[in-house]
Structure formats: C-alpha cells, structure tokens
Amino acid sequence: MTKKVKLIGIGDDGKQSLLPIYEKWIYESEILVGGERQLSFFKDYQGEKVTIKGSLPSLVAYLSKETKRIVVLASGDPLFYGIGSYLAKKLDVEIYPYISSVQLAFARMNESWQDAYVLSVHGRSMKGLVQRIHGRKKVALLTDAKNTPSEIARYLLSFNMNEYRAFVAENLGGENERCAFYELEEMENLEFSPLNVVVLQKISESKTWQFGIDDDEFYQRKPEKGLLTKKEIRTISLSELKLTESSIVWDIGTCTGSVAIEACLIAKEGQVFAIEKNEHDLENCRLNMAKFHTDFTVIQGKAPNHLEEFPDPDAIFIGGTAGSMEDILTVCCSRLKKGGRIVLNAVTIENLMQAVDGFKSKGFETKITLAQISRSKPILNLTRFDALNPIYIITAQHTEGEQP
C-alpha cells in the first residue's frame, strides 16, 4: 500500500529552519525529492535523491507508483504559490509548511501583513498589474529573473504610479540576506539577487476612480469632441455586460478607451482587449490608460481583423463597426463564451435593425434600451436641459444562455 508522502517546507538557511521531528523524518525516508537548492542542504543523506526539474505530472506519476518512504522538500510554505496545492490534488500527502517568503519580508519590515494584497509575477506577465494594485496600501510581489524589482519599478513609473516606495528582501534567511527600502526611481536602475520579494508600501495619496467617470476627465479629440461613449450610456452599457472581477472583455472601436478603462476597473483580475482603427484616437487612449492606471491590450486595426489574436471573451462591447457589422457579429457571436453577453451601441435605426437581425440569425436573444439623456445647463440665473444624441443599447445573449 502506498504510504503518505510528506511535503516539508524549508528555508534558505537549510536544516536550521527545520523542527527536529522534520529532520528526523527526512533522514528516515528512503527517497528525498526537491529542487537542487533544497537537496544541497542534505549532502549526507543516504537514500535516493530525486531532483525536481519542471515536469510536475511526470513527478506525480513517479511518486504515485513508489511504495518507499518519501519526503518532498519545497521552499517556504508549499501551499503559497508552491507545489503543495498541485501535489495535494494528485497524491495522498501530509504538508508541513515553513514560513513563507512574504511572511519573512514583512517581518524584516516590522510591518503587519494581514491587510496586504499578495500576488505573483513569477512566470507570469505583468500585464494588468497596475489596475490590480492601484489604491492598495500594501502589495507583496513574488518576482522572477524577468520580472525583477527594476522591471517592476520601470513598469509602475510608466503609468505614473509614484505613490509607492519599495522594500526589497533578498535571499531571505540565507547568508547573503539583504533588505532595504528604495524609491521607485532608484530601484529602476539597480540589480538584485534573483531570490527576492518586493513589497510596495503606499506613502502618498493618489486619486482613485469610481464607476461612472465624468466625460471631461478623459483625453479626447479637441476641438472635435464627441467621439466618446458618454458617461450615462457607458454606465448602462457596462451594467448590461454583467462583468465580474475576472471577466475577459473585448472593446471593439474603443476610441478614447473610456469603456475599456471602466471595464478594467471592474475586471481587475481579468483581461481587456481593445481595437481601434484611428491612430489619433489611439494616442488619446494610451494617455487615458496611464492617467487611470489601467493596463489593457489595445491594437490599431479595423475589426474583425485581429480579433483572432484575442482569447475567447466573457463579454463584448461594440461601440463602432465602421461598416463591417455583419462580419463583426459573425466573429463575436461564434467566439463569445457560454453565458456571455454582447452589448452594441447604435445611433441610427438602420444600424439598430441590422444588429437585431444579425443577432437573431445567429441564435441570440436581444433586448433594446433607447437612452434619451438630457443634462442640465445654466442659462443666466436659470437652468435648462441639453439633450444628448439618442442611443440604442442592444444587449444580446445566446438563446436561453446556450451556444447554438
């Protein structure tokens, strides 16, 4: 009968980080599994050593067939961005964690961390990081050889996010441990040990943005204003999309990026992809991305071109079709995930009819909201109302929520 695998967390100071009982289990085992660094702490081990070299499924296949006493070593807390969660789902394991690198980093700062936002850019893209951390007081980042402290500083500064200072903890628990605070401008030009944790600490206030950003906050065409989804239409359209924190969103005809930006602020853990054909509007879009601390993918082109480069979406906003509505709807309806929604804004009754017919032919149910918005405007010591252009807001879903 296969024995339980013991999974033991270990610090960078090796055996010193272990409880005596853990060390006893290690030397009583017949097979010791771990990374090269963890195994190097046990040069006097008499059993068989197995080095983990990337392929966890093959490791699980090996361990599941083995009947000898096995101990697997992992760095820090195996359940904190480690192999513990994966192995626990595949094998019968007992987990004995050590202190995580994040715990140690906050201890070196003499700072509590129960209210910290923790995430990893180890082996992950930093895309979208800026909106995930914006407004948070403490952020802990696990890094890698590509997403180094200097790259993180460079990334944040590109979005004018200078309200943080950084604490970098290198080689925690080891002989070469080094911990220090840095300004982002300073950190951008320094080199650090590959083994580090970055803690961002908010030291000044910055403006945060709530749902329904005022139109005049956005960079937009001047003096030719108007190519912007107005706040009232934008908020209704976004509410119809039913976004979650992890939604994947397409914004077709993004223009100044107002819908994509507000979508980012809702779907902070998701992804937003936008396309716009006009180069000048794209310049304003990128300025708005920096201003509102949002990082989404935006490309220049005319839909449906380039949509194949985007992952399948949970929600799609169509603000403009540039005469390609039929082709755009064909792609959008075929790529939309089950249960997803498409919201299309139309100004003319011809586009309204084309959209409704197009959705119906593809097995989608539609509902239409005619938004006729007027805003108050002072005139001398009185008040009158200025009407905005009426907009048809068409919401489409798969019939009964199912894909055809």
Protein backbone atom coordinates (compact mmCIF):
# COMPACT_ATOMS: atom_id res chain seq x y z
CA MET A 1 0.00 0.00 0.00
CA THR A 2 1.32 3.45 -0.95
CA LYS A 3 2.42 5.46 2.08
CA LYS A 4 1.57 9.12 2.52
CA VAL A 5 4.12 11.49 1.05
CA LYS A 6 5.46 14.04 3.50
CA LEU A 7 5.85 17.51 1.95
CA ILE A 8 8.09 19.68 4.12
CA GLY A 9 8.80 23.39 3.67
CA ILE A 10 12.35 24.55 4.22
CA GLY A 11 14.01 27.96 4.45
CA ASP A 12 17.05 29.33 2.68
CA ASP A 13 19.12 28.57 5.79
CA GLY A 14 18.63 24.85 5.27
CA LYS A 15 18.50 22.45 8.22
CA GLN A 16 18.43 25.29 10.72
CA SER A 17 14.89 26.14 9.59
CA LEU A 18 13.56 22.65 10.36
CA LEU A 19 11.96 21.33 13.50
CA PRO A 20 13.87 18.31 14.87
CA ILE A 21 10.99 15.98 14.03
CA TYR A 22 11.03 17.16 10.40
CA GLU A 23 14.75 16.50 10.13
CA LYS A 24 14.20 13.04 11.66
CA TRP A 25 11.54 12.24 9.01
CA ILE A 26 13.89 13.33 6.24
CA TYR A 27 16.71 11.04 7.35
CA GLU A 28 14.31 8.16 7.95
CA SER A 29 12.90 8.42 4.42
CA GLU A 30 14.10 6.28 1.54
CA ILE A 31 13.58 8.83 -1.23
CA LEU A 32 14.19 12.59 -0.89
CA VAL A 33 12.66 14.80 -3.59
CA GLY A 34 13.29 18.50 -4.12
CA GLY A 35 14.94 21.24 -6.11
CA GLU A 36 18.71 21.33 -6.43
CA ARG A 37 18.98 24.05 -3.78
CA GLN A 38 16.87 22.14 -1.23
CA LEU A 39 18.67 18.83 -1.85
CA SER A 40 22.07 20.52 -1.44
CA PHE A 41 21.31 21.02 2.27
CA PHE A 42 21.42 17.22 2.76
CA LYS A 43 24.74 16.10 1.32
CA ASP A 44 24.91 13.34 3.97
CA TYR A 45 21.55 11.83 3.06
CA GLN A 46 21.95 8.07 2.48
CA GLY A 47 18.80 7.35 0.47
CA GLU A 48 17.87 8.07 -3.14
CA LYS A 49 17.65 11.71 -4.24
CA VAL A 50 15.28 12.86 -6.98
CA THR A 51 15.67 16.36 -8.39
CA ILE A 52 12.55 18.23 -9.49
CA LYS A 53 13.20 19.61 -12.95
CA GLY A 54 9.99 21.21 -14.13
CA SER A 55 7.54 18.45 -15.09
CA LEU A 56 5.17 18.02 -12.17
CA PRO A 57 2.88 15.49 -13.96
CA SER A 58 5.82 13.13 -14.52
CA LEU A 59 6.87 13.62 -10.88
CA VAL A 60 3.36 12.72 -9.72
CA ALA A 61 3.36 9.63 -11.97
CA TYR A 62 6.65 8.54 -10.39
CA LEU A 63 5.58 9.21 -6.81
CA SER A 64 2.17 7.54 -7.20
CA LYS A 65 3.82 4.23 -8.14
CA GLU A 66 6.51 4.32 -5.46
CA THR A 67 5.94 2.42 -2.19
CA LYS A 68 9.05 3.56 -0.33
CA ARG A 69 9.02 6.27 2.35
CA ILE A 70 9.13 9.61 0.52
CA VAL A 71 9.79 13.17 1.65
CA VAL A 72 9.38 16.08 -0.77
CA LEU A 73 11.15 19.33 0.07
CA ALA A 74 9.73 22.69 -1.02
CA SER A 75 10.73 26.29 -0.47
CA GLY A 76 8.93 28.07 2.36
CA ASP A 77 5.21 27.33 2.52
CA PRO A 78 4.43 24.71 -0.18
CA LEU A 79 0.83 25.95 -0.35
CA PHE A 80 1.86 29.55 -1.06
CA TYR A 81 2.48 29.71 -4.82
CA GLY A 82 4.29 26.40 -4.42
CA ILE A 83 3.88 22.78 -5.47
CA GLY A 84 1.78 21.88 -2.42
CA SER A 85 -1.61 22.59 -3.95
CA TYR A 86 -0.83 20.58 -7.09
CA LEU A 87 0.58 17.58 -5.24
CA ALA A 88 -2.28 17.59 -2.72
CA LYS A 89 -4.81 17.20 -5.54
CA LYS A 90 -2.93 14.28 -7.08
CA LEU A 91 -1.42 12.40 -4.13
CA ASP A 92 -2.04 11.47 -0.52
CA VAL A 93 0.23 14.00 1.18
CA GLU A 94 0.92 15.45 4.61
CA ILE A 95 2.09 19.07 4.41
CA TYR A 96 4.39 20.72 6.94
CA PRO A 97 4.97 24.36 5.95
CA TYR A 98 7.83 26.68 6.80
CA ILE A 99 7.45 30.46 6.94
CA SER A 100 6.67 31.91 3.52
CA SER A 101 8.98 34.46 1.92
CA VAL A 102 6.24 37.07 2.20
CA GLN A 103 5.91 36.49 5.95
CA LEU A 104 9.65 36.91 6.34
CA ALA A 105 9.72 40.06 4.21
CA PHE A 106 7.05 41.76 6.33
CA ALA A 107 8.83 40.62 9.48
CA ARG A 108 12.01 42.33 8.25
CA MET A 109 9.93 45.49 7.72
CA ASN A 110 8.38 45.22 11.20
CA GLU A 111 5.06 45.56 9.40
CA SER A 112 1.78 43.64 9.70
CA TRP A 113 0.67 41.83 6.58
CA GLN A 114 -2.89 40.60 7.23
CA ASP A 115 -4.14 43.51 5.12
CA ALA A 116 -1.59 43.10 2.31
CA TYR A 117 -2.51 42.25 -1.28
CA VAL A 118 -0.24 39.41 -2.37
CA LEU A 119 0.32 38.24 -5.94
CA SER A 120 2.97 36.62 -8.06
CA VAL A 121 4.59 37.81 -11.27
CA HIS A 122 6.87 34.77 -11.17
CA GLY A 123 6.48 33.16 -14.58
CA ARG A 124 3.56 35.47 -15.31
CA SER A 125 3.06 38.60 -17.37
CA MET A 126 2.84 41.95 -15.58
CA LYS A 127 0.01 42.91 -17.94
CA GLY A 128 -2.85 44.34 -15.89
CA LEU A 129 -0.78 44.62 -12.72
CA VAL A 130 -1.29 48.36 -12.42
CA GLN A 131 -5.10 48.21 -12.04
CA ARG A 132 -4.86 45.26 -9.66
CA ILE A 133 -2.71 47.14 -7.17
CA HIS A 134 -3.99 50.70 -7.66
CA GLY A 135 -5.22 52.16 -4.38
CA ARG A 136 -3.95 49.31 -2.19
CA LYS A 137 -1.84 50.27 0.83
CA LYS A 138 0.47 47.22 0.88
CA VAL A 139 1.35 44.96 -2.02
CA ALA A 140 3.69 41.96 -1.94
CA LEU A 141 5.09 40.69 -5.24
CA LEU A 142 6.86 37.41 -5.91
CA THR A 143 9.35 38.05 -8.72
CA ASP A 144 11.46 36.10 -11.20
CA ALA A 145 14.50 36.58 -13.42
CA LYS A 146 12.45 38.56 -15.97
CA ASN A 147 10.08 40.48 -13.71
CA THR A 148 12.82 41.85 -11.46
CA PRO A 149 12.48 44.68 -8.94
CA SER A 150 13.95 47.09 -11.50
CA GLU A 151 11.45 45.95 -14.17
CA ILE A 152 8.59 46.34 -11.70
CA ALA A 153 9.73 49.90 -10.93
CA ARG A 154 10.03 50.70 -14.63
CA TYR A 155 6.55 49.32 -15.28
CA LEU A 156 4.88 51.27 -12.47
CA LEU A 157 6.61 54.52 -13.40
CA SER A 158 5.37 54.15 -16.98
CA PHE A 159 1.86 54.56 -15.53
CA ASN A 160 2.91 57.49 -13.33
CA MET A 161 2.31 55.35 -10.26
CA ASN A 162 4.75 57.05 -7.92
CA GLU A 163 2.74 56.87 -4.70
CA TYR A 164 4.68 53.81 -3.57
CA ARG A 165 8.09 53.11 -2.14
CA ALA A 166 9.51 49.62 -2.37
CA PHE A 167 11.04 47.25 0.17
CA VAL A 168 13.17 44.57 -1.45
CA ALA A 169 14.06 41.49 0.61
CA GLU A 170 16.82 39.40 -0.99
CA ASN A 171 18.00 35.88 -0.05
CA LEU A 172 15.72 35.78 2.96
CA GLY A 173 17.09 33.54 5.71
CA GLY A 174 20.35 32.94 3.87
CA GLU A 175 23.91 34.10 4.45
CA ASN A 176 23.60 36.85 1.84
CA GLU A 177 20.32 38.28 3.06
CA ARG A 178 19.85 41.96 2.25
CA CYS A 179 16.76 44.08 2.93
CA ALA A 180 16.26 47.77 2.16
CA PHE A 181 13.75 50.44 1.15
CA TYR A 182 14.03 52.12 -2.26
CA GLU A 183 12.32 54.88 -4.18
CA LEU A 184 10.99 53.54 -7.49
CA GLU A 185 13.25 55.89 -9.48
CA GLU A 186 16.22 54.48 -7.57
CA MET A 187 15.15 50.83 -7.82
CA GLU A 188 14.70 51.13 -11.59
CA ASN A 189 18.49 51.32 -12.08
CA LEU A 190 19.70 48.71 -9.59
CA GLU A 191 20.41 44.98 -9.79
CA PHE A 192 19.16 42.48 -7.23
CA SER A 193 19.61 38.84 -6.31
CA PRO A 194 17.27 36.52 -8.25
CA LEU A 195 15.79 35.37 -4.91
CA ASN A 196 13.77 38.33 -3.70
CA VAL A 197 10.39 39.60 -2.63
CA VAL A 198 9.18 43.13 -3.39
CA VAL A 199 6.79 44.89 -1.02
CA LEU A 200 5.17 48.11 -2.24
CA GLN A 201 4.13 50.47 0.54
CA LYS A 202 1.83 53.38 -0.21
CA ILE A 203 3.37 56.61 1.08
CA SER A 204 1.16 59.24 -0.56
CA GLU A 205 -2.43 59.53 -1.68
CA SER A 206 -3.43 59.23 -5.31
CA LYS A 207 -6.76 59.74 -6.99
CA THR A 208 -8.91 56.65 -7.29
CA TRP A 209 -11.68 56.31 -9.82
CA GLN A 210 -15.22 55.14 -9.17
CA PHE A 211 -17.70 53.67 -11.64
CA GLY A 212 -19.06 56.35 -13.97
CA ILE A 213 -16.05 58.57 -14.73
CA ASP A 214 -17.02 62.06 -15.92
CA ASP A 215 -16.53 62.63 -19.65
CA ASP A 216 -14.26 65.64 -19.26
CA GLU A 217 -11.75 63.55 -17.30
CA PHE A 218 -10.75 61.71 -20.47
CA TYR A 219 -8.24 62.84 -23.05
CA GLN A 220 -10.25 63.15 -26.27
CA ARG A 221 -10.28 64.90 -29.61
CA LYS A 222 -10.19 68.69 -29.42
CA PRO A 223 -11.93 70.77 -30.56
CA GLU A 224 -13.84 67.88 -32.20
CA LYS A 225 -15.24 66.31 -29.06
CA GLY A 226 -17.99 63.72 -29.12
CA LEU A 227 -16.16 60.52 -30.11
CA LEU A 228 -16.54 59.21 -26.60
CA THR A 229 -19.14 56.90 -25.10
CA LYS A 230 -20.89 59.33 -22.77
CA LYS A 231 -20.94 58.55 -19.05
CA GLU A 232 -24.64 57.72 -18.87
CA ILE A 233 -24.50 55.43 -21.93
CA ARG A 234 -21.23 53.93 -20.72
CA THR A 235 -22.60 53.04 -17.29
CA ILE A 236 -25.76 51.46 -18.73
CA SER A 237 -23.74 49.50 -21.30
CA LEU A 238 -21.25 48.23 -18.72
CA SER A 239 -24.02 47.22 -16.34
CA GLU A 240 -25.59 45.22 -19.19
CA LEU A 241 -22.31 43.36 -19.74
CA LYS A 242 -22.56 41.91 -16.19
CA LEU A 243 -18.79 41.89 -15.71
CA THR A 244 -17.12 40.01 -12.90
CA GLU A 245 -13.72 40.61 -11.32
CA SER A 246 -12.14 38.01 -13.64
CA SER A 247 -14.00 38.68 -16.92
CA ILE A 248 -12.27 38.64 -20.30
CA VAL A 249 -13.64 41.61 -22.24
CA TRP A 250 -13.44 42.84 -25.84
CA ASP A 251 -13.97 46.53 -26.69
CA ILE A 252 -14.45 46.97 -30.43
CA GLY A 253 -13.99 50.53 -31.65
CA THR A 254 -12.54 51.68 -28.33
CA CYS A 255 -11.70 55.25 -29.48
CA THR A 256 -10.52 57.08 -26.32
CA GLY A 257 -10.75 53.85 -24.33
CA SER A 258 -13.43 55.00 -21.88
CA VAL A 259 -15.36 51.70 -21.87
CA ALA A 260 -12.19 49.57 -21.77
CA ILE A 261 -10.85 51.64 -18.86
CA GLU A 262 -14.01 51.27 -16.79
CA ALA A 263 -14.11 47.57 -17.68
CA CYS A 264 -10.55 47.24 -16.30
CA LEU A 265 -11.60 48.87 -13.05
CA ILE A 266 -14.34 46.23 -12.67
CA ALA A 267 -12.49 43.19 -14.06
CA LYS A 268 -9.24 43.87 -12.20
CA GLU A 269 -8.25 40.21 -12.17
CA GLY A 270 -9.41 39.64 -15.75
CA GLN A 271 -8.22 40.89 -19.12
CA VAL A 272 -9.44 43.59 -21.50
CA PHE A 273 -8.66 43.67 -25.23
CA ALA A 274 -9.45 46.67 -27.41
CA ILE A 275 -9.17 47.57 -31.08
CA GLU A 276 -9.34 50.99 -32.78
CA LYS A 277 -8.60 51.98 -36.37
CA ASN A 278 -7.84 55.67 -35.84
CA GLU A 279 -4.25 56.39 -34.82
CA HIS A 280 -5.03 59.76 -33.22
CA ASP A 281 -7.72 58.22 -31.03
CA LEU A 282 -5.25 55.53 -30.00
CA GLU A 283 -2.85 58.21 -28.78
CA ASN A 284 -5.57 59.58 -26.52
CA CYS A 285 -6.44 56.03 -25.44
CA ARG A 286 -2.88 55.41 -24.28
CA LEU A 287 -2.81 58.72 -22.40
CA ASN A 288 -6.02 57.69 -20.66
CA MET A 289 -4.57 54.29 -19.77
CA ALA A 290 -1.71 55.98 -17.93
CA LYS A 291 -3.97 58.54 -16.26
CA PHE A 292 -6.45 55.99 -14.93
CA HIS A 293 -3.81 53.38 -14.06
CA THR A 294 -5.22 50.71 -16.34
CA ASP A 295 -3.21 48.31 -18.46
CA PHE A 296 -5.09 46.52 -21.22
CA THR A 297 -4.19 45.27 -24.68
CA VAL A 298 -5.03 47.77 -27.41
CA ILE A 299 -4.15 47.40 -31.08
CA GLN A 300 -4.66 49.50 -34.16
CA GLY A 301 -6.83 47.89 -36.79
CA LYS A 302 -10.31 47.52 -38.19
CA ALA A 303 -12.44 44.73 -36.76
CA PRO A 304 -12.99 41.90 -37.43
CA ASN A 305 -9.29 41.87 -38.37
CA HIS A 306 -7.04 40.96 -35.40
CA LEU A 307 -9.88 39.57 -33.28
CA GLU A 308 -8.38 36.11 -33.75
CA GLU A 309 -5.45 37.34 -31.65
CA PHE A 310 -7.72 37.81 -28.61
CA PRO A 311 -8.78 34.99 -26.25
CA ASP A 312 -12.45 33.99 -26.19
CA PRO A 313 -14.38 36.67 -24.28
CA ASP A 314 -16.95 36.61 -21.48
CA ALA A 315 -18.29 39.97 -22.65
CA ILE A 316 -18.05 42.15 -25.76
CA PHE A 317 -18.79 45.83 -26.16
CA ILE A 318 -19.22 47.11 -29.72
CA GLY A 319 -19.05 50.88 -29.87
CA GLY A 320 -18.45 51.13 -33.61
CA THR A 321 -18.42 48.82 -36.62
CA ALA A 322 -17.18 51.12 -39.43
CA GLY A 323 -19.49 49.43 -41.93
CA SER A 324 -18.44 45.86 -41.04
CA MET A 325 -21.26 44.94 -38.68
CA GLU A 326 -22.17 41.61 -40.27
CA ASP A 327 -18.59 40.34 -40.27
CA ILE A 328 -18.00 41.60 -36.72
CA LEU A 329 -21.17 39.95 -35.39
CA THR A 330 -20.23 36.67 -37.07
CA VAL A 331 -16.90 36.58 -35.23
CA CYS A 332 -18.24 37.88 -31.93
CA CYS A 333 -21.19 35.50 -31.78
CA SER A 334 -19.01 32.49 -32.57
CA ARG A 335 -16.30 33.38 -30.06
CA LEU A 336 -18.42 34.51 -27.10
CA LYS A 337 -18.24 32.11 -24.15
CA LYS A 338 -21.36 30.32 -22.97
CA GLY A 339 -23.48 32.62 -20.82
CA GLY A 340 -21.66 35.71 -22.08
CA ARG A 341 -23.17 38.97 -23.31
CA ILE A 342 -22.64 41.34 -26.21
CA VAL A 343 -23.65 44.99 -25.92
CA LEU A 344 -23.79 47.08 -29.09
CA ASN A 345 -24.43 50.82 -29.24
CA ALA A 346 -26.24 52.09 -32.34
CA VAL A 347 -27.12 55.66 -33.30
CA THR A 348 -29.30 55.04 -36.37
CA ILE A 349 -32.41 52.90 -36.80
CA GLU A 350 -30.74 51.24 -39.81
CA ASN A 351 -27.86 50.01 -37.62
CA LEU A 352 -30.38 49.02 -34.95
CA MET A 353 -32.29 46.81 -37.40
CA GLN A 354 -29.11 45.33 -38.87
CA ALA A 355 -27.83 44.46 -35.42
CA VAL A 356 -31.08 42.89 -34.20
CA ASP A 357 -31.48 40.86 -37.41
CA GLY A 358 -27.84 39.81 -37.25
CA PHE A 359 -28.07 38.61 -33.66
CA LYS A 360 -31.35 36.79 -34.32
CA SER A 361 -29.90 34.93 -37.31
CA LYS A 362 -27.12 33.63 -35.06
CA GLY A 363 -29.43 32.31 -32.36
CA PHE A 364 -29.15 35.23 -29.98
CA GLU A 365 -31.91 36.87 -27.99
CA THR A 366 -31.83 40.66 -27.82
CA LYS A 367 -33.27 43.39 -25.68
CA ILE A 368 -33.08 47.06 -26.59
CA THR A 369 -32.86 50.15 -24.42
CA LEU A 370 -33.41 53.55 -26.04
CA ALA A 371 -31.43 56.03 -23.95
CA GLN A 372 -32.53 59.64 -24.37
CA ILE A 373 -30.39 61.61 -21.96
CA SER A 374 -30.56 65.33 -21.18
CA ARG A 375 -28.15 67.21 -18.96
CA SER A 376 -28.84 70.38 -17.06
CA LYS A 377 -27.15 73.55 -18.30
CA PRO A 378 -27.20 77.00 -16.69
CA ILE A 379 -28.62 79.89 -18.66
CA LEU A 380 -28.15 83.22 -16.87
CA ASN A 381 -29.60 82.53 -13.40
CA LEU A 382 -31.87 79.77 -14.73
CA THR A 383 -31.43 76.15 -15.78
CA ARG A 384 -32.31 74.38 -18.99
CA PHE A 385 -31.61 70.93 -20.40
CA ASP A 386 -29.36 69.96 -23.31
CA ALA A 387 -30.24 66.69 -25.00
CA LEU A 388 -27.55 64.16 -25.97
CA ASN A 389 -27.97 62.09 -29.11
CA PRO A 390 -30.40 59.19 -28.53
CA ILE A 391 -28.58 55.84 -28.39
CA TYR A 392 -29.95 52.33 -28.91
CA ILE A 393 -28.27 49.95 -26.45
CA ILE A 394 -28.70 46.40 -27.74
CA THR A 395 -27.92 43.54 -25.36
CA ALA A 396 -27.54 40.08 -26.91
CA GLN A 397 -27.23 36.63 -25.32
CA HIS A 398 -27.29 33.06 -26.60
CA THR A 399 -30.86 31.79 -26.66
CA GLU A 400 -31.61 30.51 -23.14
CA GLY A 401 -27.94 31.12 -22.34
CA GLU A 402 -26.81 28.26 -24.59
CA GLN A 403 -24.48 28.35 -27.56
CA PRO A 404 -26.17 27.45 -30.84
